[in-house]
């Protein structure tokens, strides 16, 4: 063996050792940088995306954002990204960097294939649950001028007037809820589509429709003045804003709820350590008396808990809608 070959042979193990050591150092440096970024989180403003137009659910989101900013010591900016039945805003967050700085405010149970035709967005795969904010239900309402004061009287009236009742719907979940109620209670009513709660309220007060199912917060003032009458609530418990209105179970309609929940999501790849920090911060906000009062006024119950609680609730909602649709042969619109 020549001197040159000997030198090359003896140098090879050293080169390999240096290469391995360098690679390990770089990997460790990268890991340390990632760990430091998580430990230092958050060190800049965060964004909370609401996938609906301003003036709706973003009002509550803004109240949370203000308190969350105080807990995290960083501003939390609310951004409205409406369109596509919440798909546009949800997809935007799913495609954002998975660093915890972009979050989504949404229930998620509405993003289910039995409610939206050709839905290709899977919220449970594209996003990661951060926290469950609250749960609630939709309320069955009738015109204040209608000669019924409770669900039993409504049911008797509906059966005595076949073909004379109309009902409102503004979304697939409301249409499906009403069809399920008709099926279980045994009465008939014709579906009339409306663009939103403002139009539904006007139609109820004018007796253009004889029943409507919707989230009650918009209607509370009209219910209190008697222009609209609430006769049953679709959650597991009575609404904090309508404590005198019985649940569907209490009026004899078993195994049926018009329930919903909403919470916070992050991109699917967000590190667990960051999700846990955000979860702890939101749980702290949920203890705030002013926030709890706002939730009660909106007719919902605060939830909180671990990061996975909301994902389980949404999966249960999706299963509920799928089961309901199968029972009555409902096809997405």
Protein backbone atom coordinates (compact mmCIF):
# COMPACT_ATOMS: atom_id res chain seq x y z
CA UNK A 1 0.00 0.00 0.00
CA UNK A 2 1.38 3.41 -0.94
CA UNK A 3 1.83 6.31 1.52
CA UNK A 4 -1.03 8.15 -0.23
CA UNK A 5 -3.39 5.16 0.20
CA UNK A 6 -2.39 4.80 3.88
CA UNK A 7 -3.13 8.47 4.55
CA UNK A 8 -6.51 8.22 2.74
CA UNK A 9 -7.43 5.04 4.65
CA UNK A 10 -6.56 6.51 8.05
CA UNK A 11 -8.38 9.75 7.26
CA UNK A 12 -11.67 8.08 6.19
CA UNK A 13 -12.83 7.07 9.71
CA UNK A 14 -11.99 10.56 10.96
CA UNK A 15 -13.98 12.16 8.13
CA UNK A 16 -16.91 9.89 8.84
CA UNK A 17 -16.78 10.76 12.56
CA UNK A 18 -16.66 14.48 11.77
CA UNK A 19 -19.57 14.14 9.34
CA UNK A 20 -21.68 12.25 11.87
CA UNK A 21 -20.80 14.70 14.63
CA UNK A 22 -21.62 17.67 12.41
CA UNK A 23 -24.94 16.18 11.34
CA UNK A 24 -25.85 15.42 14.93
CA UNK A 25 -24.91 18.96 15.97
CA UNK A 26 -27.03 20.48 13.20
CA UNK A 27 -29.99 18.25 14.10
CA UNK A 28 -29.61 19.16 17.76
CA UNK A 29 -29.35 22.85 16.87
CA UNK A 30 -32.52 22.60 14.78
CA UNK A 31 -34.30 20.76 17.57
CA UNK A 32 -33.14 23.36 20.09
CA UNK A 33 -34.35 26.18 17.84
CA UNK A 34 -37.74 24.49 17.50
CA UNK A 35 -37.94 23.87 21.25
CA UNK A 36 -36.94 27.47 21.96
CA UNK A 37 -39.58 28.77 19.54
CA UNK A 38 -42.22 26.73 21.37
CA UNK A 39 -40.93 27.81 24.81
CA UNK A 40 -40.93 31.46 23.68
CA UNK A 41 -44.45 31.24 22.20
CA UNK A 42 -46.06 33.66 21.60
CA UNK A 43 -43.62 36.46 20.82
CA UNK A 44 -45.69 38.31 18.20
CA UNK A 45 -49.38 39.08 17.50
CA UNK A 46 -51.79 36.21 16.86
CA UNK A 47 -54.74 36.01 14.44
CA UNK A 48 -58.19 34.59 15.14
CA UNK A 49 -60.07 33.91 11.90
CA UNK A 50 -63.88 34.01 11.88
CA UNK A 51 -65.21 32.37 8.67
CA UNK A 52 -68.34 34.55 8.59
CA UNK A 53 -69.18 38.18 7.85
CA UNK A 54 -68.74 40.86 10.50
CA UNK A 55 -71.61 41.46 12.92
CA UNK A 56 -72.36 37.85 13.77
CA UNK A 57 -70.29 35.34 15.72
CA UNK A 58 -67.26 37.61 15.44
CA UNK A 59 -68.73 39.81 18.20
CA UNK A 60 -68.09 37.04 20.73
CA UNK A 61 -64.77 36.20 19.06
CA UNK A 62 -63.60 39.79 19.54
CA UNK A 63 -64.48 39.70 23.22
CA UNK A 64 -62.43 36.51 23.60
CA UNK A 65 -59.55 37.94 21.54
CA UNK A 66 -59.25 40.93 23.85
CA UNK A 67 -59.08 38.77 26.99
CA UNK A 68 -56.80 36.22 25.32
CA UNK A 69 -54.37 38.98 24.42
CA UNK A 70 -54.20 39.97 28.08
CA UNK A 71 -53.41 36.39 29.12
CA UNK A 72 -50.81 35.77 26.38
CA UNK A 73 -49.30 39.27 26.59
CA UNK A 74 -49.65 39.65 22.81
CA UNK A 75 -52.38 41.26 20.65
CA UNK A 76 -54.94 38.86 19.14
CA UNK A 77 -56.37 40.24 15.89
CA UNK A 78 -59.77 39.02 14.65
CA UNK A 79 -60.05 38.59 10.88
CA UNK A 80 -63.30 37.89 9.01
CA UNK A 81 -62.95 35.55 6.03
CA UNK A 82 -66.55 34.74 5.02
CA UNK A 83 -67.81 32.58 2.17
CA UNK A 84 -68.47 29.01 1.12
CA UNK A 85 -70.46 28.09 4.24
CA UNK A 86 -67.32 28.64 6.40
CA UNK A 87 -65.10 26.61 4.05
CA UNK A 88 -63.07 29.60 2.79
CA UNK A 89 -61.97 30.73 6.25
CA UNK A 90 -61.45 27.17 7.48
CA UNK A 91 -59.27 26.28 4.47
CA UNK A 92 -57.27 29.47 4.98
CA UNK A 93 -56.37 28.46 8.54
CA UNK A 94 -55.66 24.85 7.51
CA UNK A 95 -53.08 26.12 4.99
CA UNK A 96 -51.48 28.65 7.37
CA UNK A 97 -48.09 27.93 9.02
CA UNK A 98 -48.55 25.40 11.83
CA UNK A 99 -46.96 27.63 14.44
CA UNK A 100 -49.97 28.54 16.60
CA UNK A 101 -50.21 32.13 15.41
CA UNK A 102 -53.28 31.55 13.19
CA UNK A 103 -56.44 30.10 14.76
CA UNK A 104 -60.03 29.47 13.64
CA UNK A 105 -63.24 30.23 15.55
CA UNK A 106 -65.81 27.62 14.44
CA UNK A 107 -68.06 24.86 15.65
CA UNK A 108 -67.27 22.45 12.84
CA UNK A 109 -70.38 20.30 13.16
CA UNK A 110 -71.86 22.30 10.28
CA UNK A 111 -68.99 21.24 8.02
CA UNK A 112 -70.33 17.75 7.50
CA UNK A 113 -71.09 15.97 4.19
CA UNK A 114 -74.79 15.39 4.93
CA UNK A 115 -75.32 19.17 5.18
CA UNK A 116 -73.09 20.43 2.34
CA UNK A 117 -73.17 18.82 -1.08
CA UNK A 118 -69.80 17.60 -2.41
CA UNK A 119 -67.95 18.76 0.72
CA UNK A 120 -64.26 17.94 0.31
CA UNK A 121 -62.92 19.71 3.41
CA UNK A 122 -62.47 17.42 6.44
CA UNK A 123 -62.15 19.63 9.50
CA UNK A 124 -61.07 16.76 11.75
CA UNK A 125 -58.10 15.96 9.47
CA UNK A 126 -57.13 19.43 8.24
CA UNK A 127 -57.27 21.15 11.63
CA UNK A 128 -56.39 20.40 15.24
CA UNK A 129 -58.80 21.10 18.09
CA UNK A 130 -57.47 23.66 20.61
CA UNK A 131 -60.39 24.16 23.01
CA UNK A 132 -64.17 23.90 23.23
CA UNK A 133 -65.60 27.37 23.94
CA UNK A 134 -69.30 26.62 24.48
CA UNK A 135 -72.26 24.44 23.60
CA UNK A 136 -75.86 25.31 22.97
CA UNK A 137 -78.90 24.49 20.91
CA UNK A 138 -81.43 25.90 18.49
CA UNK A 139 -84.89 26.92 19.69
CA UNK A 140 -88.33 26.13 18.24
CA UNK A 141 -90.27 29.39 17.86
CA UNK A 142 -93.78 30.36 16.70
CA UNK A 143 -95.50 33.72 16.04
CA UNK A 144 -96.64 35.55 19.16
CA UNK A 145 -100.07 35.88 17.56
CA UNK A 146 -100.46 32.12 17.09
CA UNK A 147 -103.00 30.58 19.52
CA UNK A 148 -100.46 28.22 21.14
CA UNK A 149 -98.42 28.73 24.30
CA UNK A 150 -96.48 25.47 24.65
CA UNK A 151 -95.33 22.50 22.58
CA UNK A 152 -98.39 20.34 23.34
CA UNK A 153 -100.71 23.08 22.10
CA UNK A 154 -98.52 23.62 19.03
CA UNK A 155 -98.60 19.94 18.17
CA UNK A 156 -102.38 19.78 18.55
CA UNK A 157 -102.73 22.88 16.35
CA UNK A 158 -100.39 21.46 13.68
CA UNK A 159 -102.29 18.16 13.51
CA UNK A 160 -105.64 19.97 13.36
CA UNK A 161 -104.44 22.15 10.45
CA UNK A 162 -102.72 19.80 7.98
CA UNK A 163 -101.18 21.57 5.01
CA UNK A 164 -101.52 25.02 6.59
CA UNK A 165 -98.15 25.33 8.36
CA UNK A 166 -94.98 26.79 6.87
CA UNK A 167 -91.54 26.74 8.44
CA UNK A 168 -88.34 28.67 7.81
CA UNK A 169 -84.83 27.47 7.07
CA UNK A 170 -81.61 29.35 6.35
CA UNK A 171 -79.20 26.39 6.35
CA UNK A 172 -79.11 22.63 5.86
CA UNK A 173 -78.84 21.99 9.60
CA UNK A 174 -82.11 23.89 10.21
CA UNK A 175 -83.91 22.15 7.36
CA UNK A 176 -82.77 18.75 8.61
CA UNK A 177 -83.64 19.59 12.23
CA UNK A 178 -87.19 20.57 11.29
CA UNK A 179 -87.70 17.52 9.11
CA UNK A 180 -86.56 15.31 11.99
CA UNK A 181 -88.97 17.07 14.37
CA UNK A 182 -91.83 16.59 11.90
CA UNK A 183 -90.98 12.91 11.56
CA UNK A 184 -90.75 12.24 15.30
CA UNK A 185 -93.72 14.38 16.40
CA UNK A 186 -95.98 13.40 13.50
CA UNK A 187 -97.10 16.63 11.81
CA UNK A 188 -96.73 18.31 8.41
CA UNK A 189 -95.26 21.69 7.43
CA UNK A 190 -93.87 23.20 4.22
CA UNK A 191 -90.27 24.49 4.02
CA UNK A 192 -89.75 28.15 3.05
CA UNK A 193 -86.11 29.26 2.50
CA UNK A 194 -84.85 32.59 3.89
CA UNK A 195 -81.50 34.35 3.66
CA UNK A 196 -80.99 34.98 7.37
CA UNK A 197 -82.40 35.48 10.85
CA UNK A 198 -83.62 39.03 10.13
CA UNK A 199 -85.94 37.74 7.42
CA UNK A 200 -87.06 34.79 9.56
CA UNK A 201 -87.97 37.10 12.46
CA UNK A 202 -90.02 39.34 10.17
CA UNK A 203 -91.81 36.31 8.69
CA UNK A 204 -92.64 34.94 12.15
CA UNK A 205 -94.02 38.26 13.38
CA UNK A 206 -96.10 38.61 10.19
CA UNK A 207 -97.37 35.02 10.55
CA UNK A 208 -96.01 34.19 7.07
CA UNK A 209 -94.49 31.12 8.72
CA UNK A 210 -95.93 29.28 11.71
CA UNK A 211 -92.69 27.86 13.08
CA UNK A 212 -88.97 28.44 12.91
CA UNK A 213 -85.92 26.73 14.39
CA UNK A 214 -82.82 28.88 14.90
CA UNK A 215 -80.11 29.90 17.36
CA UNK A 216 -82.12 32.09 19.77
CA UNK A 217 -79.69 34.95 20.49
CA UNK A 218 -80.97 37.19 17.66
CA UNK A 219 -84.61 36.72 18.70
CA UNK A 220 -84.33 37.32 22.47
CA UNK A 221 -85.72 40.86 22.43
CA UNK A 222 -88.71 39.80 20.32
CA UNK A 223 -89.31 36.78 22.55
CA UNK A 224 -89.28 38.94 25.69
CA UNK A 225 -91.83 41.36 24.20
CA UNK A 226 -94.10 38.49 23.11
CA UNK A 227 -93.83 39.15 19.36
CA UNK A 228 -92.28 35.70 19.00
CA UNK A 229 -92.90 32.77 21.34
CA UNK A 230 -90.23 30.15 22.17
CA UNK A 231 -91.79 26.77 22.99
CA UNK A 232 -88.93 24.23 23.05
CA UNK A 233 -85.13 24.29 23.17
CA UNK A 234 -82.96 21.80 21.32
CA UNK A 235 -79.95 21.46 23.64
CA UNK A 236 -79.18 18.91 26.35
CA UNK A 237 -80.05 21.55 28.95
CA UNK A 238 -82.19 24.68 29.02
CA UNK A 239 -80.74 27.83 27.53
CA UNK A 240 -79.30 30.29 30.09
CA UNK A 241 -80.98 33.10 28.16
CA UNK A 242 -84.37 31.29 28.04
CA UNK A 243 -84.53 29.42 31.37
CA UNK A 244 -88.33 29.03 31.25
CA UNK A 245 -88.32 27.26 27.87
CA UNK A 246 -88.26 23.44 28.26
CA UNK A 247 -85.98 21.16 26.26
CA UNK A 248 -87.30 18.83 23.57
CA UNK A 249 -86.83 15.91 25.97
CA UNK A 250 -88.92 17.70 28.59
CA UNK A 251 -91.82 18.17 26.15
CA UNK A 252 -91.78 14.51 25.18
CA UNK A 253 -89.63 14.47 22.02
CA UNK A 254 -87.01 11.93 23.00
CA UNK A 255 -83.67 11.22 21.31
CA UNK A 256 -83.63 14.47 19.33
CA UNK A 257 -81.43 17.52 19.87
CA UNK A 258 -80.67 20.57 17.75
CA UNK A 259 -77.30 20.95 19.44
CA UNK A 260 -74.19 22.81 18.36
CA UNK A 261 -70.83 23.74 19.81
CA UNK A 262 -68.09 26.14 18.85
CA UNK A 263 -64.45 26.32 19.65
CA UNK A 264 -60.94 27.05 18.48
CA UNK A 265 -58.88 25.21 15.84
CA UNK A 266 -55.28 25.42 14.64
CA UNK A 267 -53.56 23.95 11.56
CA UNK A 268 -53.22 20.16 11.83
CA UNK A 269 -49.43 20.17 12.19
CA UNK A 270 -49.30 22.61 15.11
CA UNK A 271 -46.99 21.19 17.85
CA UNK A 272 -48.79 19.79 20.89
CA UNK A 273 -46.76 22.03 23.22
CA UNK A 274 -48.12 25.15 21.50
CA UNK A 275 -51.67 23.77 21.41
CA UNK A 276 -51.46 23.11 25.15
CA UNK A 277 -50.30 26.69 25.79
CA UNK A 278 -53.23 28.05 23.78
CA UNK A 279 -55.63 25.65 25.50
CA UNK A 280 -54.49 26.82 28.94
CA UNK A 281 -54.88 30.47 27.90
CA UNK A 282 -58.42 29.98 26.58
CA UNK A 283 -59.40 28.08 29.72
CA UNK A 284 -58.16 31.06 31.72
CA UNK A 285 -60.32 33.39 29.60
CA UNK A 286 -63.35 31.14 30.17
CA UNK A 287 -63.05 31.82 33.92
CA UNK A 288 -63.52 35.56 33.39
CA UNK A 289 -66.92 36.67 34.83
CA UNK A 290 -67.57 39.12 31.97
CA UNK A 291 -66.99 36.39 29.37
CA UNK A 292 -69.24 33.93 31.20
CA UNK A 293 -71.94 36.62 31.36
CA UNK A 294 -71.64 37.21 27.61
CA UNK A 295 -71.97 33.48 26.93
CA UNK A 296 -75.04 33.27 29.16
CA UNK A 297 -76.62 36.20 27.32
CA UNK A 298 -75.96 34.38 24.06
CA UNK A 299 -77.77 31.35 25.46
CA UNK A 300 -74.80 28.99 25.50
CA UNK A 301 -72.96 27.08 28.22
CA UNK A 302 -69.16 27.44 28.65
CA UNK A 303 -67.21 24.19 28.23
CA UNK A 304 -63.40 24.45 28.25
CA UNK A 305 -61.35 21.39 29.23
CA UNK A 306 -58.61 19.61 27.31
CA UNK A 307 -57.52 20.27 23.75
CA UNK A 308 -59.32 17.23 22.34
CA UNK A 309 -62.74 17.96 23.86
CA UNK A 310 -63.96 20.05 20.94
CA UNK A 311 -62.92 17.51 18.31
CA UNK A 312 -64.95 14.83 20.12
CA UNK A 313 -67.97 17.15 20.29
CA UNK A 314 -67.76 17.93 16.58
CA UNK A 315 -67.44 14.24 15.71
CA UNK A 316 -70.57 13.57 17.78
CA UNK A 317 -72.41 16.40 15.95
CA UNK A 318 -71.39 15.02 12.56
CA UNK A 319 -72.55 11.53 13.57
CA UNK A 320 -75.87 13.00 14.80
CA UNK A 321 -76.52 14.76 11.48
CA UNK A 322 -75.53 11.66 9.51
CA UNK A 323 -77.90 9.47 11.54
CA UNK A 324 -80.73 11.99 11.20
CA UNK A 325 -80.25 12.28 7.45
CA UNK A 326 -80.26 8.51 7.03
CA UNK A 327 -83.48 8.13 9.03
CA UNK A 328 -85.48 10.43 6.76
CA UNK A 329 -83.57 9.95 3.49
CA UNK A 330 -82.28 13.53 3.44
CA UNK A 331 -79.88 14.52 0.65
CA UNK A 332 -77.47 17.48 0.98
CA UNK A 333 -78.60 20.65 -0.75
